[in-house]
């Protein structure tokens, strides 16, 4: 891997793979990949993982951010709308490259197709899916 991830630079690549593929963290990575904009809000991540507490979702997203696999992306103040999320979570370029190098993105298209078939989304989930998002740059 030519790029180093944040604190993962202190870890061997196999340790980063093990870290990223821990069940909850890998589920969150997959949730990001399957999201239509690949930028879900915290609420969307929580709703997609009903068997995990909100605190656990938050804790694992923070770990993925600290490692440099995931980034938090926020709307500018003038783009925020009341009642809608303004913080979103996506893969960093380095995180995407690392996951791709280790064949962990192979199911990306399948995940997106599966996401389209979810029919029991709450009203809030649908609202949040349609929330304005920043460019995933």
N, C-alpha and C. Protein backbone atom coordinates (compact mmCIF):
# COMPACT_ATOMS: atom_id res chain seq x y z
N UNK A 1 0.85 -1.18 0.00
CA UNK A 1 0.00 0.00 0.00
C UNK A 1 0.89 1.23 0.00
N UNK A 2 0.65 2.13 -0.92
CA UNK A 2 1.51 3.29 -1.05
C UNK A 2 1.13 4.41 -0.08
N UNK A 3 -0.11 4.47 0.32
CA UNK A 3 -0.53 5.51 1.26
C UNK A 3 -0.65 4.91 2.64
N UNK A 4 -0.39 5.75 3.62
CA UNK A 4 -0.55 5.29 5.01
C UNK A 4 -1.81 5.90 5.58
N UNK A 5 -2.52 5.08 6.31
CA UNK A 5 -3.69 5.56 7.00
C UNK A 5 -3.24 6.16 8.32
N UNK A 6 -3.99 7.15 8.85
CA UNK A 6 -3.68 7.82 10.12
C UNK A 6 -2.92 6.98 11.12
N UNK A 7 -3.57 6.57 12.17
CA UNK A 7 -2.90 5.76 13.19
C UNK A 7 -2.62 4.36 12.69
N UNK A 8 -3.24 4.02 11.55
CA UNK A 8 -2.97 2.70 10.99
C UNK A 8 -1.54 2.63 10.45
N UNK A 9 -0.91 3.79 10.25
CA UNK A 9 0.48 3.80 9.83
C UNK A 9 1.37 3.10 10.83
N UNK A 10 0.91 3.00 12.07
CA UNK A 10 1.65 2.31 13.12
C UNK A 10 1.31 0.82 13.13
N UNK A 11 0.36 0.40 12.32
CA UNK A 11 -0.09 -0.99 12.27
C UNK A 11 0.37 -1.63 10.97
N UNK A 12 0.61 -2.91 11.01
CA UNK A 12 0.90 -3.67 9.80
C UNK A 12 -0.38 -3.76 8.97
N UNK A 13 -0.26 -3.87 7.65
CA UNK A 13 -1.46 -3.98 6.81
C UNK A 13 -2.41 -5.09 7.27
N UNK A 14 -1.89 -6.24 7.67
CA UNK A 14 -2.77 -7.33 8.11
C UNK A 14 -3.53 -6.94 9.38
N UNK A 15 -2.90 -6.11 10.24
CA UNK A 15 -3.59 -5.64 11.45
C UNK A 15 -4.72 -4.67 11.07
N UNK A 16 -4.48 -3.85 10.06
CA UNK A 16 -5.51 -2.91 9.61
C UNK A 16 -6.67 -3.70 8.99
N UNK A 17 -6.36 -4.73 8.22
CA UNK A 17 -7.42 -5.57 7.65
C UNK A 17 -8.24 -6.19 8.77
N UNK A 18 -7.57 -6.74 9.78
CA UNK A 18 -8.28 -7.34 10.91
C UNK A 18 -9.14 -6.29 11.62
N UNK A 19 -8.59 -5.10 11.82
CA UNK A 19 -9.31 -3.99 12.46
C UNK A 19 -10.56 -3.63 11.66
N UNK A 20 -10.39 -3.46 10.34
CA UNK A 20 -11.51 -3.02 9.48
C UNK A 20 -12.57 -4.09 9.31
N UNK A 21 -12.18 -5.36 9.43
CA UNK A 21 -13.15 -6.43 9.20
C UNK A 21 -13.78 -6.94 10.50
N UNK A 22 -13.51 -6.26 11.61
CA UNK A 22 -14.25 -6.58 12.84
C UNK A 22 -15.73 -6.40 12.48
N UNK A 23 -16.59 -7.23 13.00
CA UNK A 23 -17.98 -7.33 12.54
C UNK A 23 -18.71 -5.98 12.44
N UNK A 24 -18.71 -5.20 13.51
CA UNK A 24 -19.46 -3.93 13.49
C UNK A 24 -18.80 -2.93 12.56
N UNK A 25 -17.48 -2.82 12.60
CA UNK A 25 -16.80 -1.86 11.72
C UNK A 25 -16.99 -2.22 10.25
N UNK A 26 -16.92 -3.51 9.93
CA UNK A 26 -17.09 -3.92 8.53
C UNK A 26 -18.53 -3.68 8.08
N UNK A 27 -19.48 -3.88 8.97
CA UNK A 27 -20.88 -3.58 8.65
C UNK A 27 -21.03 -2.08 8.34
N UNK A 28 -20.39 -1.23 9.12
CA UNK A 28 -20.47 0.21 8.90
C UNK A 28 -19.81 0.60 7.58
N UNK A 29 -18.66 0.00 7.27
CA UNK A 29 -18.01 0.25 5.98
C UNK A 29 -18.95 -0.15 4.85
N UNK A 30 -19.58 -1.31 4.99
CA UNK A 30 -20.52 -1.77 3.97
C UNK A 30 -21.73 -0.85 3.87
N UNK A 31 -22.20 -0.30 5.01
CA UNK A 31 -23.31 0.65 4.98
C UNK A 31 -22.93 1.90 4.20
N UNK A 32 -21.71 2.35 4.37
CA UNK A 32 -21.22 3.51 3.61
C UNK A 32 -21.20 3.18 2.13
N UNK A 33 -20.66 2.01 1.79
CA UNK A 33 -20.55 1.61 0.39
C UNK A 33 -21.91 1.46 -0.28
N UNK A 34 -22.91 0.98 0.46
CA UNK A 34 -24.20 0.71 -0.15
C UNK A 34 -25.09 1.95 -0.22
N UNK A 35 -24.77 2.98 0.53
CA UNK A 35 -25.59 4.20 0.53
C UNK A 35 -25.57 4.85 -0.85
N UNK A 36 -26.69 5.37 -1.33
CA UNK A 36 -26.74 5.96 -2.67
C UNK A 36 -25.66 7.02 -2.93
N UNK A 37 -25.33 7.81 -1.92
CA UNK A 37 -24.30 8.84 -2.07
C UNK A 37 -22.98 8.45 -1.39
N UNK A 38 -22.95 7.28 -0.81
CA UNK A 38 -21.80 6.81 -0.03
C UNK A 38 -21.43 7.82 1.06
N UNK A 39 -22.45 8.50 1.58
CA UNK A 39 -22.30 9.46 2.67
C UNK A 39 -23.51 9.38 3.59
N UNK A 40 -23.68 8.30 4.32
CA UNK A 40 -24.81 8.23 5.24
C UNK A 40 -24.61 9.13 6.46
N UNK A 41 -25.72 9.52 7.05
CA UNK A 41 -25.68 10.26 8.31
C UNK A 41 -25.58 9.25 9.45
N UNK A 42 -25.31 9.73 10.65
CA UNK A 42 -25.24 8.84 11.81
C UNK A 42 -26.57 8.13 12.02
N UNK A 43 -27.68 8.84 11.85
CA UNK A 43 -28.99 8.21 12.03
C UNK A 43 -29.18 7.05 11.05
N UNK A 44 -28.78 7.23 9.81
CA UNK A 44 -28.92 6.17 8.82
C UNK A 44 -28.07 4.96 9.22
N UNK A 45 -26.85 5.21 9.68
CA UNK A 45 -26.00 4.11 10.12
C UNK A 45 -26.61 3.38 11.31
N UNK A 46 -27.18 4.15 12.23
CA UNK A 46 -27.82 3.54 13.40
C UNK A 46 -29.02 2.69 12.99
N UNK A 47 -29.82 3.21 12.07
CA UNK A 47 -31.02 2.49 11.65
C UNK A 47 -30.68 1.23 10.85
N UNK A 48 -29.57 1.26 10.13
CA UNK A 48 -29.15 0.09 9.36
C UNK A 48 -28.53 -0.99 10.25
N UNK A 49 -28.27 -0.65 11.51
CA UNK A 49 -27.66 -1.59 12.46
C UNK A 49 -28.49 -1.66 13.73
N UNK A 50 -29.73 -2.14 13.64
CA UNK A 50 -30.63 -2.11 14.79
C UNK A 50 -30.20 -3.00 15.96
N UNK A 51 -29.35 -3.98 15.70
CA UNK A 51 -28.93 -4.87 16.79
C UNK A 51 -27.75 -4.29 17.58
N UNK A 52 -27.27 -3.12 17.17
CA UNK A 52 -26.13 -2.48 17.82
C UNK A 52 -26.61 -1.16 18.43
N UNK A 53 -26.16 -0.84 19.61
CA UNK A 53 -26.58 0.42 20.25
C UNK A 53 -26.04 1.62 19.48
N UNK A 54 -26.72 2.75 19.63
CA UNK A 54 -26.27 3.99 18.99
C UNK A 54 -24.87 4.35 19.45
N UNK A 55 -24.59 4.15 20.73
CA UNK A 55 -23.25 4.45 21.28
C UNK A 55 -22.19 3.58 20.61
N UNK A 56 -22.52 2.33 20.34
CA UNK A 56 -21.57 1.42 19.70
C UNK A 56 -21.31 1.84 18.26
N UNK A 57 -22.36 2.22 17.54
CA UNK A 57 -22.19 2.70 16.17
C UNK A 57 -21.26 3.91 16.17
N UNK A 58 -21.54 4.86 17.05
CA UNK A 58 -20.72 6.07 17.14
C UNK A 58 -19.27 5.73 17.47
N UNK A 59 -19.07 4.85 18.44
CA UNK A 59 -17.71 4.47 18.87
C UNK A 59 -16.93 3.86 17.71
N UNK A 60 -17.56 2.98 16.96
CA UNK A 60 -16.85 2.32 15.86
C UNK A 60 -16.60 3.26 14.69
N UNK A 61 -17.53 4.17 14.42
CA UNK A 61 -17.28 5.18 13.38
C UNK A 61 -16.09 6.04 13.78
N UNK A 62 -16.02 6.42 15.06
CA UNK A 62 -14.89 7.22 15.53
C UNK A 62 -13.57 6.46 15.37
N UNK A 63 -13.57 5.18 15.65
CA UNK A 63 -12.36 4.36 15.48
C UNK A 63 -11.95 4.32 14.01
N UNK A 64 -12.93 4.19 13.12
CA UNK A 64 -12.63 4.17 11.69
C UNK A 64 -12.11 5.54 11.22
N UNK A 65 -12.61 6.61 11.81
CA UNK A 65 -12.10 7.95 11.50
C UNK A 65 -10.67 8.09 12.02
N UNK A 66 -10.45 7.68 13.27
CA UNK A 66 -9.12 7.78 13.87
C UNK A 66 -8.08 7.01 13.07
N UNK A 67 -8.49 5.93 12.45
CA UNK A 67 -7.57 5.10 11.68
C UNK A 67 -7.37 5.64 10.26
N UNK A 68 -8.24 6.54 9.83
CA UNK A 68 -8.10 7.14 8.51
C UNK A 68 -8.85 6.42 7.42
N UNK A 69 -9.69 5.46 7.77
CA UNK A 69 -10.47 4.74 6.77
C UNK A 69 -11.72 5.54 6.40
N UNK A 70 -12.32 6.18 7.40
CA UNK A 70 -13.56 6.95 7.23
C UNK A 70 -13.29 8.41 7.56
N UNK A 71 -14.03 9.28 6.91
CA UNK A 71 -13.96 10.72 7.20
C UNK A 71 -15.35 11.22 7.53
N UNK A 72 -15.38 12.26 8.35
CA UNK A 72 -16.63 12.96 8.63
C UNK A 72 -16.68 14.15 7.69
N UNK A 73 -17.80 14.32 7.01
CA UNK A 73 -17.97 15.42 6.06
C UNK A 73 -19.19 16.21 6.51
N UNK A 74 -19.04 17.51 6.65
CA UNK A 74 -20.13 18.35 7.14
C UNK A 74 -20.57 19.36 6.08
N UNK A 75 -21.84 19.66 6.10
CA UNK A 75 -22.36 20.73 5.25
C UNK A 75 -21.88 22.07 5.78
N UNK A 76 -21.65 23.01 4.89
CA UNK A 76 -21.34 24.37 5.32
C UNK A 76 -22.55 24.94 6.04
N UNK A 77 -22.32 25.90 6.93
CA UNK A 77 -23.40 26.49 7.71
C UNK A 77 -24.56 26.97 6.85
N UNK A 78 -24.25 27.59 5.72
CA UNK A 78 -25.32 28.14 4.87
C UNK A 78 -26.09 27.07 4.09
N UNK A 79 -25.61 25.83 4.11
CA UNK A 79 -26.30 24.74 3.42
C UNK A 79 -27.14 23.88 4.37
N UNK A 80 -27.00 24.09 5.65
CA UNK A 80 -27.71 23.27 6.63
C UNK A 80 -29.18 23.65 6.67
N UNK A 81 -30.02 22.62 6.84
CA UNK A 81 -31.46 22.84 6.92
C UNK A 81 -31.97 22.26 8.23
N UNK A 82 -32.83 23.01 8.89
CA UNK A 82 -33.38 22.56 10.17
C UNK A 82 -34.13 21.24 9.98
N UNK A 83 -33.88 20.31 10.89
CA UNK A 83 -34.56 19.03 10.84
C UNK A 83 -33.87 17.99 9.96
N UNK A 84 -32.73 18.36 9.39
CA UNK A 84 -31.99 17.44 8.54
C UNK A 84 -30.57 17.28 9.10
N UNK A 85 -29.95 16.13 8.82
CA UNK A 85 -28.58 15.95 9.30
C UNK A 85 -27.63 16.87 8.53
N UNK A 86 -26.51 17.16 9.16
CA UNK A 86 -25.50 17.97 8.48
C UNK A 86 -24.10 17.35 8.55
N UNK A 87 -23.98 16.23 9.26
CA UNK A 87 -22.72 15.48 9.30
C UNK A 87 -22.95 14.13 8.64
N UNK A 88 -21.99 13.75 7.81
CA UNK A 88 -22.09 12.50 7.06
C UNK A 88 -20.75 11.79 7.11
N UNK A 89 -20.76 10.51 6.77
CA UNK A 89 -19.57 9.68 6.90
C UNK A 89 -19.30 8.95 5.60
N UNK A 90 -18.07 9.07 5.12
CA UNK A 90 -17.67 8.41 3.88
C UNK A 90 -16.26 7.88 3.99
N UNK A 91 -15.87 7.09 3.01
CA UNK A 91 -14.52 6.56 3.00
C UNK A 91 -13.54 7.64 2.57
N UNK A 92 -12.37 7.65 3.19
CA UNK A 92 -11.30 8.52 2.72
C UNK A 92 -10.73 7.91 1.45
N UNK A 93 -10.00 8.69 0.68
CA UNK A 93 -9.35 8.14 -0.51
C UNK A 93 -8.38 7.03 -0.10
N UNK A 94 -7.64 7.27 0.98
CA UNK A 94 -6.68 6.27 1.47
C UNK A 94 -7.40 5.01 1.95
N UNK A 95 -8.53 5.20 2.62
CA UNK A 95 -9.30 4.07 3.10
C UNK A 95 -9.83 3.24 1.96
N UNK A 96 -10.37 3.92 0.94
CA UNK A 96 -10.89 3.21 -0.24
C UNK A 96 -9.76 2.45 -0.92
N UNK A 97 -8.61 3.09 -1.09
CA UNK A 97 -7.47 2.45 -1.74
C UNK A 97 -7.02 1.21 -0.94
N UNK A 98 -6.94 1.36 0.37
CA UNK A 98 -6.52 0.24 1.21
C UNK A 98 -7.50 -0.92 1.11
N UNK A 99 -8.79 -0.62 1.23
CA UNK A 99 -9.81 -1.66 1.15
C UNK A 99 -9.79 -2.34 -0.22
N UNK A 100 -9.60 -1.55 -1.26
CA UNK A 100 -9.54 -2.10 -2.61
C UNK A 100 -8.30 -2.98 -2.77
N UNK A 101 -7.15 -2.51 -2.28
CA UNK A 101 -5.91 -3.29 -2.36
C UNK A 101 -6.04 -4.64 -1.67
N UNK A 102 -6.91 -4.73 -0.67
CA UNK A 102 -7.08 -5.97 0.09
C UNK A 102 -8.39 -6.69 -0.26
N UNK A 103 -8.92 -6.35 -1.45
CA UNK A 103 -10.10 -7.02 -2.01
C UNK A 103 -11.32 -6.96 -1.08
N UNK A 104 -11.49 -5.84 -0.38
CA UNK A 104 -12.62 -5.71 0.54
C UNK A 104 -13.74 -4.84 -0.06
N UNK A 105 -13.60 -4.47 -1.32
CA UNK A 105 -14.64 -3.69 -1.99
C UNK A 105 -15.35 -4.50 -3.08
N UNK A 106 -15.06 -5.77 -3.15
CA UNK A 106 -15.58 -6.61 -4.24
C UNK A 106 -17.10 -6.61 -4.31
N UNK A 107 -17.79 -6.46 -3.20
CA UNK A 107 -19.25 -6.54 -3.19
C UNK A 107 -19.94 -5.17 -3.28
N UNK A 108 -19.19 -4.13 -3.60
CA UNK A 108 -19.75 -2.77 -3.59
C UNK A 108 -21.02 -2.64 -4.44
N UNK A 109 -21.00 -3.10 -5.68
CA UNK A 109 -22.17 -2.98 -6.55
C UNK A 109 -23.34 -3.81 -6.01
N UNK A 110 -23.05 -5.00 -5.51
CA UNK A 110 -24.10 -5.85 -4.95
C UNK A 110 -24.74 -5.18 -3.74
N UNK A 111 -23.90 -4.57 -2.90
CA UNK A 111 -24.42 -3.87 -1.72
C UNK A 111 -25.36 -2.75 -2.12
N UNK A 112 -25.02 -2.02 -3.18
CA UNK A 112 -25.87 -0.92 -3.64
C UNK A 112 -27.19 -1.45 -4.17
N UNK A 113 -27.15 -2.57 -4.85
CA UNK A 113 -28.40 -3.17 -5.36
C UNK A 113 -29.28 -3.65 -4.21
N UNK A 114 -28.68 -4.26 -3.20
CA UNK A 114 -29.43 -4.73 -2.04
C UNK A 114 -30.08 -3.55 -1.33
N UNK A 115 -29.34 -2.46 -1.18
CA UNK A 115 -29.85 -1.27 -0.49
C UNK A 115 -31.12 -0.76 -1.17
N UNK A 116 -31.14 -0.80 -2.49
CA UNK A 116 -32.31 -0.32 -3.24
C UNK A 116 -33.56 -1.14 -2.94
N UNK A 117 -33.38 -2.37 -2.47
CA UNK A 117 -34.53 -3.25 -2.24
C UNK A 117 -35.08 -3.15 -0.81
N UNK A 118 -34.43 -2.38 0.06
CA UNK A 118 -34.92 -2.24 1.43
C UNK A 118 -36.25 -1.48 1.37
N UNK A 119 -37.31 -2.14 1.80
CA UNK A 119 -38.64 -1.53 1.65
C UNK A 119 -39.25 -1.05 2.97
N UNK A 120 -38.67 -1.43 4.09
CA UNK A 120 -39.27 -1.07 5.38
C UNK A 120 -38.52 0.08 6.05
N UNK A 121 -38.11 1.06 5.26
CA UNK A 121 -37.41 2.22 5.82
C UNK A 121 -38.40 3.13 6.53
N UNK A 122 -37.98 3.65 7.66
CA UNK A 122 -38.83 4.59 8.39
C UNK A 122 -38.94 5.91 7.62
N UNK A 123 -39.95 6.68 7.97
CA UNK A 123 -40.15 7.99 7.34
C UNK A 123 -38.91 8.87 7.55
N UNK A 124 -38.36 8.82 8.76
CA UNK A 124 -37.17 9.62 9.07
C UNK A 124 -35.98 9.16 8.21
N UNK A 125 -35.85 7.86 8.02
CA UNK A 125 -34.75 7.32 7.21
C UNK A 125 -34.87 7.83 5.77
N UNK A 126 -36.06 7.79 5.21
CA UNK A 126 -36.27 8.27 3.84
C UNK A 126 -35.97 9.76 3.77
N UNK A 127 -36.44 10.51 4.76
CA UNK A 127 -36.17 11.96 4.81
C UNK A 127 -34.67 12.21 4.84
N UNK A 128 -33.95 11.48 5.69
CA UNK A 128 -32.51 11.68 5.83
C UNK A 128 -31.75 11.24 4.58
N UNK A 129 -32.24 10.21 3.90
CA UNK A 129 -31.60 9.78 2.65
C UNK A 129 -31.64 10.90 1.62
N UNK A 130 -32.71 11.68 1.67
CA UNK A 130 -32.89 12.76 0.69
C UNK A 130 -32.37 14.11 1.17
N UNK A 131 -31.68 14.10 2.30
CA UNK A 131 -31.11 15.34 2.84
C UNK A 131 -30.00 15.84 1.92
N UNK A 132 -29.82 17.17 1.89
CA UNK A 132 -28.70 17.71 1.12
C UNK A 132 -27.39 17.19 1.71
N UNK A 133 -26.45 16.90 0.84
CA UNK A 133 -25.14 16.40 1.27
C UNK A 133 -24.03 17.21 0.64
N UNK A 134 -22.91 17.29 1.32
CA UNK A 134 -21.76 17.96 0.71
C UNK A 134 -21.17 17.08 -0.40
N UNK A 135 -20.37 17.68 -1.23
CA UNK A 135 -19.64 16.88 -2.22
C UNK A 135 -18.73 15.94 -1.46
N UNK A 136 -18.63 14.72 -1.90
CA UNK A 136 -17.79 13.72 -1.23
C UNK A 136 -16.37 13.87 -1.73
N UNK A 137 -15.82 15.06 -1.52
CA UNK A 137 -14.46 15.34 -2.00
C UNK A 137 -13.44 15.20 -0.91
